[in-house]
Amino acid sequence: MHDHSQILVVSRDRLLLQTRRLILGTYFEVEAAGRMSEAGSILSKRDFDVIVLCDTLSESECRQIADLVRDQRPQPRLISLLGPGNRYKSALTGTTPVTEAPLELLKECADVLGFDLHGKQRMFSN
């Protein structure tokens, strides 16, 4: 059974995109975008609780996505994945930095959404 929380994952790397979609899709409803135009189209039609920004995106692309959701209420949480080469790079303002480890990403999404991974239930309502 899936939680009704909506997550959008954006990455230029198709393999990473599919892997993250599968991992997060175990607990949440997940949409994936492999291009900025695709992300823009999806965001114009739907609201998300969390948007995961892959380290394959440039800082400019991350800002574009942040700008697209700036006026949404409630505003989605942005999670910025940090790859091995940029682990200590400053994160985009307003994002939560997370290393790209799959389990850490899953835990961070669950924490942000108030979802208990062990009990498979919401810990609080938004």
PDB file of N, CA and C in Angstrom:
ATOM      1  N   MET A   1       0.842  -1.168   0.000  1.00  0.00           N
ATOM      2  CA  MET A   1       0.000   0.000   0.000  1.00  0.00           C
ATOM      3  C   MET A   1       0.893   1.239   0.000  1.00  0.00           C
ATOM      4  N   HIS A   2       0.538   2.222  -0.814  1.00  0.00           N
ATOM      5  CA  HIS A   2       1.311   3.450  -0.938  1.00  0.00           C
ATOM      6  C   HIS A   2       0.698   4.552  -0.098  1.00  0.00           C
ATOM      7  N   ASP A   3       1.576   5.376   0.450  1.00  0.00           N
ATOM      8  CA  ASP A   3       1.149   6.598   1.100  1.00  0.00           C
ATOM      9  C   ASP A   3       0.700   7.536  -0.026  1.00  0.00           C
ATOM     10  N   HIS A   4      -0.114   8.503   0.274  1.00  0.00           N
ATOM     11  CA  HIS A   4      -0.600   9.412  -0.765  1.00  0.00           C
ATOM     12  C   HIS A   4       0.325  10.590  -0.985  1.00  0.00           C
ATOM     13  N   SER A   5       1.472  10.589  -0.357  1.00  0.00           N
ATOM     14  CA  SER A   5       2.438  11.652  -0.556  1.00  0.00           C
ATOM     15  C   SER A   5       3.008  11.562  -1.960  1.00  0.00           C
ATOM     16  N   GLN A   6       3.156  12.725  -2.573  1.00  0.00           N
ATOM     17  CA  GLN A   6       3.615  12.817  -3.954  1.00  0.00           C
ATOM     18  C   GLN A   6       5.066  13.285  -3.993  1.00  0.00           C
ATOM     19  N   ILE A   7       5.920  12.549  -4.702  1.00  0.00           N
ATOM     20  CA  ILE A   7       7.328  12.908  -4.839  1.00  0.00           C
ATOM     21  C   ILE A   7       7.670  12.995  -6.322  1.00  0.00           C
ATOM     22  N   LEU A   8       8.370  14.052  -6.690  1.00  0.00           N
ATOM     23  CA  LEU A   8       8.906  14.187  -8.044  1.00  0.00           C
ATOM     24  C   LEU A   8      10.421  14.064  -7.953  1.00  0.00           C
ATOM     25  N   VAL A   9      11.003  13.182  -8.764  1.00  0.00           N
ATOM     26  CA  VAL A   9      12.452  13.016  -8.835  1.00  0.00           C
ATOM     27  C   VAL A   9      12.901  13.542 -10.192  1.00  0.00           C
ATOM     28  N   VAL A  10      13.904  14.437 -10.185  1.00  0.00           N
ATOM     29  CA  VAL A  10      14.406  15.022 -11.425  1.00  0.00           C
ATOM     30  C   VAL A  10      15.888  14.698 -11.559  1.00  0.00           C
ATOM     31  N   SER A  11      16.255  14.076 -12.682  1.00  0.00           N
ATOM     32  CA  SER A  11      17.646  13.688 -12.934  1.00  0.00           C
ATOM     33  C   SER A  11      17.867  13.566 -14.430  1.00  0.00           C
ATOM     34  N   ARG A  12      19.068  13.893 -14.883  1.00  0.00           N
ATOM     35  CA  ARG A  12      19.409  13.700 -16.291  1.00  0.00           C
ATOM     36  C   ARG A  12      19.921  12.285 -16.548  1.00  0.00           C
ATOM     37  N   ASP A  13      20.205  11.531 -15.501  1.00  0.00           N
ATOM     38  CA  ASP A  13      20.715  10.166 -15.626  1.00  0.00           C
ATOM     39  C   ASP A  13      19.539   9.197 -15.510  1.00  0.00           C
ATOM     40  N   ARG A  14      19.185   8.560 -16.620  1.00  0.00           N
ATOM     41  CA  ARG A  14      17.995   7.680 -16.665  1.00  0.00           C
ATOM     42  C   ARG A  14      18.087   6.510 -15.687  1.00  0.00           C
ATOM     43  N   LEU A  15      19.266   5.927 -15.533  1.00  0.00           N
ATOM     44  CA  LEU A  15      19.420   4.787 -14.622  1.00  0.00           C
ATOM     45  C   LEU A  15      19.198   5.223 -13.178  1.00  0.00           C
ATOM     46  N   LEU A  16      19.823   6.334 -12.782  1.00  0.00           N
ATOM     47  CA  LEU A  16      19.605   6.854 -11.429  1.00  0.00           C
ATOM     48  C   LEU A  16      18.135   7.216 -11.216  1.00  0.00           C
ATOM     49  N   LEU A  17      17.546   7.803 -12.227  1.00  0.00           N
ATOM     50  CA  LEU A  17      16.145   8.215 -12.149  1.00  0.00           C
ATOM     51  C   LEU A  17      15.239   7.012 -11.886  1.00  0.00           C
ATOM     52  N   GLN A  18      15.431   5.956 -12.650  1.00  0.00           N
ATOM     53  CA  GLN A  18      14.609   4.757 -12.477  1.00  0.00           C
ATOM     54  C   GLN A  18      14.863   4.081 -11.136  1.00  0.00           C
ATOM     55  N   THR A  19      16.122   4.029 -10.726  1.00  0.00           N
ATOM     56  CA  THR A  19      16.457   3.403  -9.445  1.00  0.00           C
ATOM     57  C   THR A  19      15.794   4.145  -8.297  1.00  0.00           C
ATOM     58  N   ARG A  20      15.912   5.462  -8.301  1.00  0.00           N
ATOM     59  CA  ARG A  20      15.299   6.261  -7.227  1.00  0.00           C
ATOM     60  C   ARG A  20      13.779   6.165  -7.265  1.00  0.00           C
ATOM     61  N   ARG A  21      13.231   6.109  -8.446  1.00  0.00           N
ATOM     62  CA  ARG A  21      11.773   5.966  -8.573  1.00  0.00           C
ATOM     63  C   ARG A  21      11.305   4.639  -7.973  1.00  0.00           C
ATOM     64  N   LEU A  22      12.030   3.585  -8.229  1.00  0.00           N
ATOM     65  CA  LEU A  22      11.674   2.267  -7.687  1.00  0.00           C
ATOM     66  C   LEU A  22      11.802   2.227  -6.167  1.00  0.00           C
ATOM     67  N   ILE A  23      12.896   2.778  -5.646  1.00  0.00           N
ATOM     68  CA  ILE A  23      13.117   2.755  -4.188  1.00  0.00           C
ATOM     69  C   ILE A  23      12.049   3.569  -3.470  1.00  0.00           C
ATOM     70  N   LEU A  24      11.849   4.803  -3.901  1.00  0.00           N
ATOM     71  CA  LEU A  24      10.855   5.665  -3.249  1.00  0.00           C
ATOM     72  C   LEU A  24       9.438   5.173  -3.509  1.00  0.00           C
ATOM     73  N   GLY A  25       9.216   4.554  -4.667  1.00  0.00           N
ATOM     74  CA  GLY A  25       7.893   4.059  -5.031  1.00  0.00           C
ATOM     75  C   GLY A  25       7.404   2.906  -4.166  1.00  0.00           C
ATOM     76  N   THR A  26       8.297   2.332  -3.384  1.00  0.00           N
ATOM     77  CA  THR A  26       7.908   1.282  -2.448  1.00  0.00           C
ATOM     78  C   THR A  26       6.947   1.832  -1.395  1.00  0.00           C
ATOM     79  N   TYR A  27       7.109   3.109  -1.052  1.00  0.00           N
ATOM     80  CA  TYR A  27       6.305   3.723   0.012  1.00  0.00           C
ATOM     81  C   TYR A  27       5.462   4.921  -0.438  1.00  0.00           C
ATOM     82  N   PHE A  28       5.862   5.556  -1.539  1.00  0.00           N
ATOM     83  CA  PHE A  28       5.212   6.800  -1.952  1.00  0.00           C
ATOM     84  C   PHE A  28       4.819   6.766  -3.421  1.00  0.00           C
ATOM     85  N   GLU A  29       3.966   7.706  -3.814  1.00  0.00           N
ATOM     86  CA  GLU A  29       3.639   7.880  -5.226  1.00  0.00           C
ATOM     87  C   GLU A  29       4.731   8.748  -5.825  1.00  0.00           C
ATOM     88  N   VAL A  30       5.412   8.235  -6.856  1.00  0.00           N
ATOM     89  CA  VAL A  30       6.591   8.906  -7.403  1.00  0.00           C
ATOM     90  C   VAL A  30       6.428   9.141  -8.899  1.00  0.00           C
ATOM     91  N   GLU A  31       6.762  10.342  -9.304  1.00  0.00           N
ATOM     92  CA  GLU A  31       6.819  10.719 -10.713  1.00  0.00           C
ATOM     93  C   GLU A  31       8.276  11.031 -11.008  1.00  0.00           C
ATOM     94  N   ALA A  32       8.727  10.779 -12.235  1.00  0.00           N
ATOM     95  CA  ALA A  32      10.119  11.017 -12.590  1.00  0.00           C
ATOM     96  C   ALA A  32      10.201  11.884 -13.839  1.00  0.00           C
ATOM     97  N   ALA A  33      11.195  12.773 -13.867  1.00  0.00           N
ATOM     98  CA  ALA A  33      11.428  13.637 -15.021  1.00  0.00           C
ATOM     99  C   ALA A  33      12.904  13.574 -15.385  1.00  0.00           C
ATOM    100  N   GLY A  34      13.194  13.294 -16.644  1.00  0.00           N
ATOM    101  CA  GLY A  34      14.566  13.182 -17.115  1.00  0.00           C
ATOM    102  C   GLY A  34      15.069  14.408 -17.850  1.00  0.00           C
ATOM    103  N   ARG A  35      14.177  15.373 -18.085  1.00  0.00           N
ATOM    104  CA  ARG A  35      14.555  16.620 -18.747  1.00  0.00           C
ATOM    105  C   ARG A  35      13.863  17.781 -18.051  1.00  0.00           C
ATOM    106  N   MET A  36      14.439  18.961 -18.175  1.00  0.00           N
ATOM    107  CA  MET A  36      13.843  20.143 -17.554  1.00  0.00           C
ATOM    108  C   MET A  36      12.470  20.436 -18.136  1.00  0.00           C
ATOM    109  N   SER A  37      12.311  20.266 -19.441  1.00  0.00           N
ATOM    110  CA  SER A  37      11.007  20.516 -20.066  1.00  0.00           C
ATOM    111  C   SER A  37       9.958  19.557 -19.510  1.00  0.00           C
ATOM    112  N   GLU A  38      10.342  18.316 -19.276  1.00  0.00           N
ATOM    113  CA  GLU A  38       9.438  17.321 -18.698  1.00  0.00           C
ATOM    114  C   GLU A  38       9.072  17.696 -17.256  1.00  0.00           C
ATOM    115  N   ALA A  39      10.060  18.134 -16.488  1.00  0.00           N
ATOM    116  CA  ALA A  39       9.799  18.561 -15.102  1.00  0.00           C
ATOM    117  C   ALA A  39       8.853  19.756 -15.090  1.00  0.00           C
ATOM    118  N   GLY A  40       9.088  20.720 -15.970  1.00  0.00           N
ATOM    119  CA  GLY A  40       8.220  21.897 -16.051  1.00  0.00           C
ATOM    120  C   GLY A  40       6.798  21.534 -16.401  1.00  0.00           C
ATOM    121  N   SER A  41       6.631  20.609 -17.336  1.00  0.00           N
ATOM    122  CA  SER A  41       5.302  20.164 -17.743  1.00  0.00           C
ATOM    123  C   SER A  41       4.573  19.466 -16.595  1.00  0.00           C
ATOM    124  N   ILE A  42       5.269  18.592 -15.909  1.00  0.00           N
ATOM    125  CA  ILE A  42       4.672  17.861 -14.777  1.00  0.00           C
ATOM    126  C   ILE A  42       4.284  18.840 -13.671  1.00  0.00           C
ATOM    127  N   LEU A  43       5.173  19.778 -13.362  1.00  0.00           N
ATOM    128  CA  LEU A  43       4.914  20.732 -12.276  1.00  0.00           C
ATOM    129  C   LEU A  43       3.785  21.706 -12.609  1.00  0.00           C
ATOM    130  N   SER A  44       3.523  21.919 -13.888  1.00  0.00           N
ATOM    131  CA  SER A  44       2.424  22.810 -14.269  1.00  0.00           C
ATOM    132  C   SER A  44       1.063  22.136 -14.088  1.00  0.00           C
ATOM    133  N   LYS A  45       1.063  20.808 -13.986  1.00  0.00           N
ATOM    134  CA  LYS A  45      -0.189  20.050 -13.893  1.00  0.00           C
ATOM    135  C   LYS A  45      -0.474  19.479 -12.510  1.00  0.00           C
ATOM    136  N   ARG A  46       0.586  19.293 -11.701  1.00  0.00           N
ATOM    137  CA  ARG A  46       0.427  18.616 -10.411  1.00  0.00           C
ATOM    138  C   ARG A  46       1.237  19.289  -9.323  1.00  0.00           C
ATOM    139  N   ASP A  47       0.780  19.095  -8.097  1.00  0.00           N
ATOM    140  CA  ASP A  47       1.530  19.556  -6.933  1.00  0.00           C
ATOM    141  C   ASP A  47       2.212  18.353  -6.295  1.00  0.00           C
ATOM    142  N   PHE A  48       3.380  18.598  -5.706  1.00  0.00           N
ATOM    143  CA  PHE A  48       4.136  17.549  -5.048  1.00  0.00           C
ATOM    144  C   PHE A  48       4.462  17.965  -3.627  1.00  0.00           C
ATOM    145  N   ASP A  49       4.627  16.983  -2.761  1.00  0.00           N
ATOM    146  CA  ASP A  49       5.031  17.238  -1.386  1.00  0.00           C
ATOM    147  C   ASP A  49       6.542  17.397  -1.282  1.00  0.00           C
ATOM    148  N   VAL A  50       7.264  16.635  -2.114  1.00  0.00           N
ATOM    149  CA  VAL A  50       8.728  16.640  -2.108  1.00  0.00           C
ATOM    150  C   VAL A  50       9.217  16.595  -3.551  1.00  0.00           C
ATOM    151  N   ILE A  51      10.275  17.353  -3.813  1.00  0.00           N
ATOM    152  CA  ILE A  51      10.948  17.287  -5.109  1.00  0.00           C
ATOM    153  C   ILE A  51      12.405  16.948  -4.842  1.00  0.00           C
ATOM    154  N   VAL A  52      12.873  15.853  -5.439  1.00  0.00           N
ATOM    155  CA  VAL A  52      14.251  15.394  -5.274  1.00  0.00           C
ATOM    156  C   VAL A  52      15.046  15.856  -6.491  1.00  0.00           C
ATOM    157  N   LEU A  53      16.090  16.648  -6.238  1.00  0.00           N
ATOM    158  CA  LEU A  53      16.943  17.190  -7.286  1.00  0.00           C
ATOM    159  C   LEU A  53      18.252  16.409  -7.307  1.00  0.00           C
ATOM    160  N   CYS A  54      18.487  15.690  -8.381  1.00  0.00           N
ATOM    161  CA  CYS A  54      19.676  14.843  -8.503  1.00  0.00           C
ATOM    162  C   CYS A  54      20.932  15.690  -8.677  1.00  0.00           C
ATOM    163  N   ASP A  55      22.065  15.126  -8.291  1.00  0.00           N
ATOM    164  CA  ASP A  55      23.330  15.838  -8.451  1.00  0.00           C
ATOM    165  C   ASP A  55      23.754  15.951  -9.915  1.00  0.00           C
ATOM    166  N   THR A  56      23.029  15.312 -10.839  1.00  0.00           N
ATOM    167  CA  THR A  56      23.319  15.459 -12.265  1.00  0.00           C
ATOM    168  C   THR A  56      22.783  16.779 -12.814  1.00  0.00           C
ATOM    169  N   LEU A  57      21.934  17.466 -12.041  1.00  0.00           N
ATOM    170  CA  LEU A  57      21.393  18.751 -12.473  1.00  0.00           C
ATOM    171  C   LEU A  57      22.375  19.865 -12.128  1.00  0.00           C
ATOM    172  N   SER A  58      22.415  20.871 -12.977  1.00  0.00           N
ATOM    173  CA  SER A  58      23.260  22.028 -12.687  1.00  0.00           C
ATOM    174  C   SER A  58      22.580  22.891 -11.624  1.00  0.00           C
ATOM    175  N   GLU A  59      23.352  23.782 -11.034  1.00  0.00           N
ATOM    176  CA  GLU A  59      22.786  24.694 -10.043  1.00  0.00           C
ATOM    177  C   GLU A  59      21.691  25.546 -10.678  1.00  0.00           C
ATOM    178  N   SER A  60      21.890  25.925 -11.927  1.00  0.00           N
ATOM    179  CA  SER A  60      20.897  26.720 -12.656  1.00  0.00           C
ATOM    180  C   SER A  60      19.591  25.937 -12.837  1.00  0.00           C
ATOM    181  N   GLU A  61      19.702  24.661 -13.174  1.00  0.00           N
ATOM    182  CA  GLU A  61      18.506  23.835 -13.343  1.00  0.00           C
ATOM    183  C   GLU A  61      17.765  23.675 -12.017  1.00  0.00           C
ATOM    184  N   CYS A  62      18.511  23.508 -10.929  1.00  0.00           N
ATOM    185  CA  CYS A  62      17.886  23.405  -9.607  1.00  0.00           C
ATOM    186  C   CYS A  62      17.144  24.693  -9.266  1.00  0.00           C
ATOM    187  N   ARG A  63      17.747  25.830  -9.600  1.00  0.00           N
ATOM    188  CA  ARG A  63      17.081  27.120  -9.349  1.00  0.00           C
ATOM    189  C   ARG A  63      15.806  27.259 -10.176  1.00  0.00           C
ATOM    190  N   GLN A  64      15.849  26.777 -11.416  1.00  0.00           N
ATOM    191  CA  GLN A  64      14.659  26.832 -12.278  1.00  0.00           C
ATOM    192  C   GLN A  64      13.499  26.068 -11.643  1.00  0.00           C
ATOM    193  N   ILE A  65      13.788  24.897 -11.131  1.00  0.00           N
ATOM    194  CA  ILE A  65      12.733  24.098 -10.493  1.00  0.00           C
ATOM    195  C   ILE A  65      12.235  24.791  -9.234  1.00  0.00           C
ATOM    196  N   ALA A  66      13.157  25.323  -8.435  1.00  0.00           N
ATOM    197  CA  ALA A  66      12.757  26.047  -7.227  1.00  0.00           C
ATOM    198  C   ALA A  66      11.865  27.234  -7.590  1.00  0.00           C
ATOM    199  N   ASP A  67      12.182  27.930  -8.669  1.00  0.00           N
ATOM    200  CA  ASP A  67      11.364  29.063  -9.112  1.00  0.00           C
ATOM    201  C   ASP A  67       9.974  28.621  -9.556  1.00  0.00           C
ATOM    202  N   LEU A  68       9.890  27.443 -10.181  1.00  0.00           N
ATOM    203  CA  LEU A  68       8.597  26.939 -10.655  1.00  0.00           C
ATOM    204  C   LEU A  68       7.627  26.649  -9.514  1.00  0.00           C
ATOM    205  N   VAL A  69       8.155  26.287  -8.351  1.00  0.00           N
ATOM    206  CA  VAL A  69       7.287  25.896  -7.228  1.00  0.00           C
ATOM    207  C   VAL A  69       7.246  26.942  -6.118  1.00  0.00           C
ATOM    208  N   ARG A  70       7.905  28.055  -6.329  1.00  0.00           N
ATOM    209  CA  ARG A  70       8.011  29.095  -5.288  1.00  0.00           C
ATOM    210  C   ARG A  70       6.653  29.564  -4.773  1.00  0.00           C
ATOM    211  N   ASP A  71       5.660  29.691  -5.651  1.00  0.00           N
ATOM    212  CA  ASP A  71       4.355  30.228  -5.251  1.00  0.00           C
ATOM    213  C   ASP A  71       3.329  29.159  -4.889  1.00  0.00           C
ATOM    214  N   GLN A  72       3.704  27.910  -4.963  1.00  0.00           N
ATOM    215  CA  GLN A  72       2.760  26.833  -4.607  1.00  0.00           C
ATOM    216  C   GLN A  72       2.519  26.825  -3.102  1.00  0.00           C
ATOM    217  N   ARG A  73       1.286  26.579  -2.729  1.00  0.00           N
ATOM    218  CA  ARG A  73       0.925  26.450  -1.314  1.00  0.00           C
ATOM    219  C   ARG A  73       0.126  25.176  -1.139  1.00  0.00           C
ATOM    220  N   PRO A  74       0.551  24.279  -0.279  1.00  0.00           N
ATOM    221  CA  PRO A  74       1.808  24.368   0.466  1.00  0.00           C
ATOM    222  C   PRO A  74       2.986  24.171  -0.473  1.00  0.00           C
ATOM    223  N   GLN A  75       4.084  24.786  -0.121  1.00  0.00           N
ATOM    224  CA  GLN A  75       5.287  24.695  -0.940  1.00  0.00           C
ATOM    225  C   GLN A  75       5.955  23.341  -0.726  1.00  0.00           C
ATOM    226  N   PRO A  76       6.340  22.668  -1.815  1.00  0.00           N
ATOM    227  CA  PRO A  76       7.000  21.361  -1.650  1.00  0.00           C
ATOM    228  C   PRO A  76       8.390  21.518  -1.040  1.00  0.00           C
ATOM    229  N   ARG A  77       8.821  20.496  -0.314  1.00  0.00           N
ATOM    230  CA  ARG A  77      10.186  20.461   0.218  1.00  0.00           C
ATOM    231  C   ARG A  77      11.116  20.032  -0.907  1.00  0.00           C
ATOM    232  N   LEU A  78      12.232  20.689  -1.023  1.00  0.00           N
ATOM    233  CA  LEU A  78      13.230  20.350  -2.032  1.00  0.00           C
ATOM    234  C   LEU A  78      14.375  19.617  -1.365  1.00  0.00           C
ATOM    235  N   ILE A  79      14.717  18.460  -1.909  1.00  0.00           N
ATOM    236  CA  ILE A  79      15.848  17.677  -1.411  1.00  0.00           C
ATOM    237  C   ILE A  79      16.885  17.649  -2.515  1.00  0.00           C
ATOM    238  N   SER A  80      18.091  18.105  -2.201  1.00  0.00           N
ATOM    239  CA  SER A  80      19.182  18.170  -3.155  1.00  0.00           C
ATOM    240  C   SER A  80      20.165  17.045  -2.873  1.00  0.00           C
ATOM    241  N   LEU A  81      20.342  16.150  -3.833  1.00  0.00           N
ATOM    242  CA  LEU A  81      21.273  15.031  -3.654  1.00  0.00           C
ATOM    243  C   LEU A  81      22.698  15.482  -3.944  1.00  0.00           C
ATOM    244  N   LEU A  82      23.597  15.137  -3.059  1.00  0.00           N
ATOM    245  CA  LEU A  82      25.002  15.499  -3.202  1.00  0.00           C
ATOM    246  C   LEU A  82      25.804  14.260  -3.565  1.00  0.00           C
ATOM    247  N   GLY A  83      26.420  14.297  -4.721  1.00  0.00           N
ATOM    248  CA  GLY A  83      27.240  13.179  -5.165  1.00  0.00           C
ATOM    249  C   GLY A  83      28.600  13.196  -4.497  1.00  0.00           C
ATOM    250  N   PRO A  84      29.422  12.194  -4.748  1.00  0.00           N
ATOM    251  CA  PRO A  84      30.719  12.072  -4.095  1.00  0.00           C
ATOM    252  C   PRO A  84      31.631  13.282  -4.324  1.00  0.00           C
ATOM    253  N   GLY A  85      31.576  13.886  -5.503  1.00  0.00           N
ATOM    254  CA  GLY A  85      32.445  15.006  -5.807  1.00  0.00           C
ATOM    255  C   GLY A  85      32.008  16.323  -5.200  1.00  0.00           C
ATOM    256  N   ASN A  86      30.769  16.412  -4.771  1.00  0.00           N
ATOM    257  CA  ASN A  86      30.272  17.679  -4.232  1.00  0.00           C
ATOM    258  C   ASN A  86      29.614  17.502  -2.871  1.00  0.00           C
ATOM    259  N   ARG A  87      30.082  16.547  -2.110  1.00  0.00           N
ATOM    260  CA  ARG A  87      29.521  16.233  -0.796  1.00  0.00           C
ATOM    261  C   ARG A  87      29.493  17.459   0.121  1.00  0.00           C
ATOM    262  N   TYR A  88      30.477  18.342  -0.012  1.00  0.00           N
ATOM    263  CA  TYR A  88      30.549  19.497   0.887  1.00  0.00           C
ATOM    264  C   TYR A  88      30.136  20.797   0.197  1.00  0.00           C
ATOM    265  N   LYS A  89      29.663  20.683  -1.022  1.00  0.00           N
ATOM    266  CA  LYS A  89      29.200  21.848  -1.768  1.00  0.00           C
ATOM    267  C   LYS A  89      27.993  22.450  -1.057  1.00  0.00           C
ATOM    268  N   SER A  90      27.935  23.767  -1.015  1.00  0.00           N
ATOM    269  CA  SER A  90      26.783  24.396  -0.355  1.00  0.00           C
ATOM    270  C   SER A  90      25.523  24.088  -1.152  1.00  0.00           C
ATOM    271  N   ALA A  91      24.492  23.778  -0.452  1.00  0.00           N
ATOM    272  CA  ALA A  91      23.226  23.414  -1.090  1.00  0.00           C
ATOM    273  C   ALA A  91      22.485  24.667  -1.532  1.00  0.00           C
ATOM    274  N   LEU A  92      21.646  24.508  -2.515  1.00  0.00           N
ATOM    275  CA  LEU A  92      20.773  25.575  -2.982  1.00  0.00           C
ATOM    276  C   LEU A  92      19.910  26.036  -1.817  1.00  0.00           C
ATOM    277  N   THR A  93      19.764  27.327  -1.660  1.00  0.00           N
ATOM    278  CA  THR A  93      18.962  27.877  -0.567  1.00  0.00           C
ATOM    279  C   THR A  93      17.566  27.275  -0.598  1.00  0.00           C
ATOM    280  N   GLY A  94      17.106  26.820   0.551  1.00  0.00           N
ATOM    281  CA  GLY A  94      15.763  26.252   0.646  1.00  0.00           C
ATOM    282  C   GLY A  94      15.698  24.766   0.386  1.00  0.00           C
ATOM    283  N   THR A  95      16.843  24.138   0.159  1.00  0.00           N
ATOM    284  CA  THR A  95      16.839  22.695  -0.060  1.00  0.00           C
ATOM    285  C   THR A  95      17.486  21.988   1.117  1.00  0.00           C
ATOM    286  N   THR A  96      17.126  20.729   1.266  1.00  0.00           N
ATOM    287  CA  THR A  96      17.750  19.878   2.270  1.00  0.00           C
ATOM    288  C   THR A  96      18.793  19.029   1.555  1.00  0.00           C
ATOM    289  N   PRO A  97      20.084  19.170   1.885  1.00  0.00           N
ATOM    290  CA  PRO A  97      21.102  18.357   1.222  1.00  0.00           C
ATOM    291  C   PRO A  97      21.150  16.942   1.802  1.00  0.00           C
ATOM    292  N   VAL A  98      21.273  15.960   0.929  1.00  0.00           N
ATOM    293  CA  VAL A  98      21.340  14.554   1.328  1.00  0.00           C
ATOM    294  C   VAL A  98      22.345  13.868   0.426  1.00  0.00           C
ATOM    295  N   THR A  99      23.174  12.994   0.978  1.00  0.00           N
ATOM    296  CA  THR A  99      24.067  12.231   0.114  1.00  0.00           C
ATOM    297  C   THR A  99      23.205  11.310  -0.739  1.00  0.00           C
ATOM    298  N   GLU A 100      23.776  10.850  -1.829  1.00  0.00           N
ATOM    299  CA  GLU A 100      22.969  10.090  -2.776  1.00  0.00           C
ATOM    300  C   GLU A 100      22.713   8.632  -2.388  1.00  0.00           C
ATOM    301  N   ALA A 101      23.080   8.230  -1.192  1.00  0.00           N
ATOM    302  CA  ALA A 101      22.833   6.864  -0.735  1.00  0.00           C
ATOM    303  C   ALA A 101      21.320   6.590  -0.730  1.00  0.00           C
ATOM    304  N   PRO A 102      20.875   5.505  -1.362  1.00  0.00           N
ATOM    305  CA  PRO A 102      19.445   5.232  -1.473  1.00  0.00           C
ATOM    306  C   PRO A 102      18.697   5.188  -0.136  1.00  0.00           C
ATOM    307  N   LEU A 103      19.293   4.544   0.861  1.00  0.00           N
ATOM    308  CA  LEU A 103      18.611   4.443   2.150  1.00  0.00           C
ATOM    309  C   LEU A 103      18.490   5.809   2.818  1.00  0.00           C
ATOM    310  N   GLU A 104      19.531   6.626   2.699  1.00  0.00           N
ATOM    311  CA  GLU A 104      19.468   7.973   3.278  1.00  0.00           C
ATOM    312  C   GLU A 104      18.385   8.810   2.590  1.00  0.00           C
ATOM    313  N   LEU A 105      18.275   8.686   1.274  1.00  0.00           N
ATOM    314  CA  LEU A 105      17.237   9.410   0.546  1.00  0.00           C
ATOM    315  C   LEU A 105      15.850   8.967   1.003  1.00  0.00           C
ATOM    316  N   LEU A 106      15.648   7.675   1.114  1.00  0.00           N
ATOM    317  CA  LEU A 106      14.357   7.146   1.568  1.00  0.00           C
ATOM    318  C   LEU A 106      14.023   7.640   2.968  1.00  0.00           C
ATOM    319  N   LYS A 107      15.001   7.588   3.868  1.00  0.00           N
ATOM    320  CA  LYS A 107      14.778   8.045   5.247  1.00  0.00           C
ATOM    321  C   LYS A 107      14.453   9.534   5.289  1.00  0.00           C
ATOM    322  N   GLU A 108      15.173  10.344   4.512  1.00  0.00           N
ATOM    323  CA  GLU A 108      14.926  11.789   4.508  1.00  0.00           C
ATOM    324  C   GLU A 108      13.526  12.100   3.977  1.00  0.00           C
ATOM    325  N   CYS A 109      13.123  11.433   2.906  1.00  0.00           N
ATOM    326  CA  CYS A 109      11.770  11.646   2.372  1.00  0.00           C
ATOM    327  C   CYS A 109      10.724  11.247   3.411  1.00  0.00           C
ATOM    328  N   ALA A 110      10.938  10.137   4.067  1.00  0.00           N
ATOM    329  CA  ALA A 110       9.995   9.693   5.102  1.00  0.00           C
ATOM    330  C   ALA A 110       9.935  10.692   6.245  1.00  0.00           C
ATOM    331  N   ASP A 111      11.086  11.199   6.683  1.00  0.00           N
ATOM    332  CA  ASP A 111      11.112  12.192   7.763  1.00  0.00           C
ATOM    333  C   ASP A 111      10.372  13.456   7.364  1.00  0.00           C
ATOM    334  N   VAL A 112      10.636  13.948   6.178  1.00  0.00           N
ATOM    335  CA  VAL A 112       9.999  15.175   5.689  1.00  0.00           C
ATOM    336  C   VAL A 112       8.479  15.004   5.612  1.00  0.00           C
ATOM    337  N   LEU A 113       8.057  13.820   5.228  1.00  0.00           N
ATOM    338  CA  LEU A 113       6.626  13.562   5.035  1.00  0.00           C
ATOM    339  C   LEU A 113       5.934  13.026   6.282  1.00  0.00           C
ATOM    340  N   GLY A 114       6.700  12.809   7.354  1.00  0.00           N
ATOM    341  CA  GLY A 114       6.107  12.289   8.586  1.00  0.00           C
ATOM    342  C   GLY A 114       5.623  10.858   8.433  1.00  0.00           C
ATOM    343  N   PHE A 115       6.402  10.055   7.744  1.00  0.00           N
ATOM    344  CA  PHE A 115       6.026   8.679   7.436  1.00  0.00           C
ATOM    345  C   PHE A 115       6.932   7.717   8.203  1.00  0.00           C
ATOM    346  N   ASP A 116       6.337   6.772   8.914  1.00  0.00           N
ATOM    347  CA  ASP A 116       7.082   5.780   9.675  1.00  0.00           C
ATOM    348  C   ASP A 116       7.370   4.584   8.765  1.00  0.00           C
ATOM    349  N   LEU A 117       8.621   4.445   8.346  1.00  0.00           N
ATOM    350  CA  LEU A 117       8.990   3.354   7.440  1.00  0.00           C
ATOM    351  C   LEU A 117       8.786   1.978   8.065  1.00  0.00           C
ATOM    352  N   HIS A 118       8.997   1.874   9.359  1.00  0.00           N
ATOM    353  CA  HIS A 118       8.872   0.569  10.018  1.00  0.00           C
ATOM    354  C   HIS A 118       7.404   0.186  10.207  1.00  0.00           C
ATOM    355  N   GLY A 119       6.597   1.129  10.602  1.00  0.00           N
ATOM    356  CA  GLY A 119       5.180   0.863  10.826  1.00  0.00           C
ATOM    357  C   GLY A 119       4.332   1.114   9.595  1.00  0.00           C
ATOM    358  N   LYS A 120       4.985   1.687   8.531  1.00  0.00           N
ATOM    359  CA  LYS A 120       4.299   1.995   7.277  1.00  0.00           C
ATOM    360  C   LYS A 120       3.045   2.841   7.514  1.00  0.00           C
ATOM    361  N   GLN A 121       3.180   3.833   8.377  1.00  0.00           N
ATOM    362  CA  GLN A 121       2.051   4.722   8.605  1.00  0.00           C
ATOM    363  C   GLN A 121       2.549   6.132   8.884  1.00  0.00           C
ATOM    364  N   ARG A 122       1.685   7.096   8.714  1.00  0.00           N
ATOM    365  CA  ARG A 122       2.045   8.470   8.958  1.00  0.00           C
ATOM    366  C   ARG A 122       2.218   8.702  10.462  1.00  0.00           C
ATOM    367  N   MET A 123       3.276   9.458  10.813  1.00  0.00           N
ATOM    368  CA  MET A 123       3.516   9.768  12.210  1.00  0.00           C
ATOM    369  C   MET A 123       2.728  11.015  12.616  1.00  0.00           C
ATOM    370  N   PHE A 124       2.429  11.885  11.655  1.00  0.00           N
ATOM    371  CA  PHE A 124       1.618  13.079  11.910  1.00  0.00           C
ATOM    372  C   PHE A 124       1.020  13.514  10.600  1.00  0.00           C
ATOM    373  N   SER A 125       0.012  14.337  10.661  1.00  0.00           N
ATOM    374  CA  SER A 125      -0.616  14.804   9.428  1.00  0.00           C
ATOM    375  C   SER A 125      -0.148  16.211   9.129  1.00  0.00           C
ATOM    376  N   ASN A 126      -0.044  16.510   7.840  1.00  0.00           N
ATOM    377  CA  ASN A 126       0.423  17.841   7.399  1.00  0.00           C
ATOM    378  C   ASN A 126      -0.693  18.853   7.449  1.00  0.00           C
TER     379      ASN A 126
END
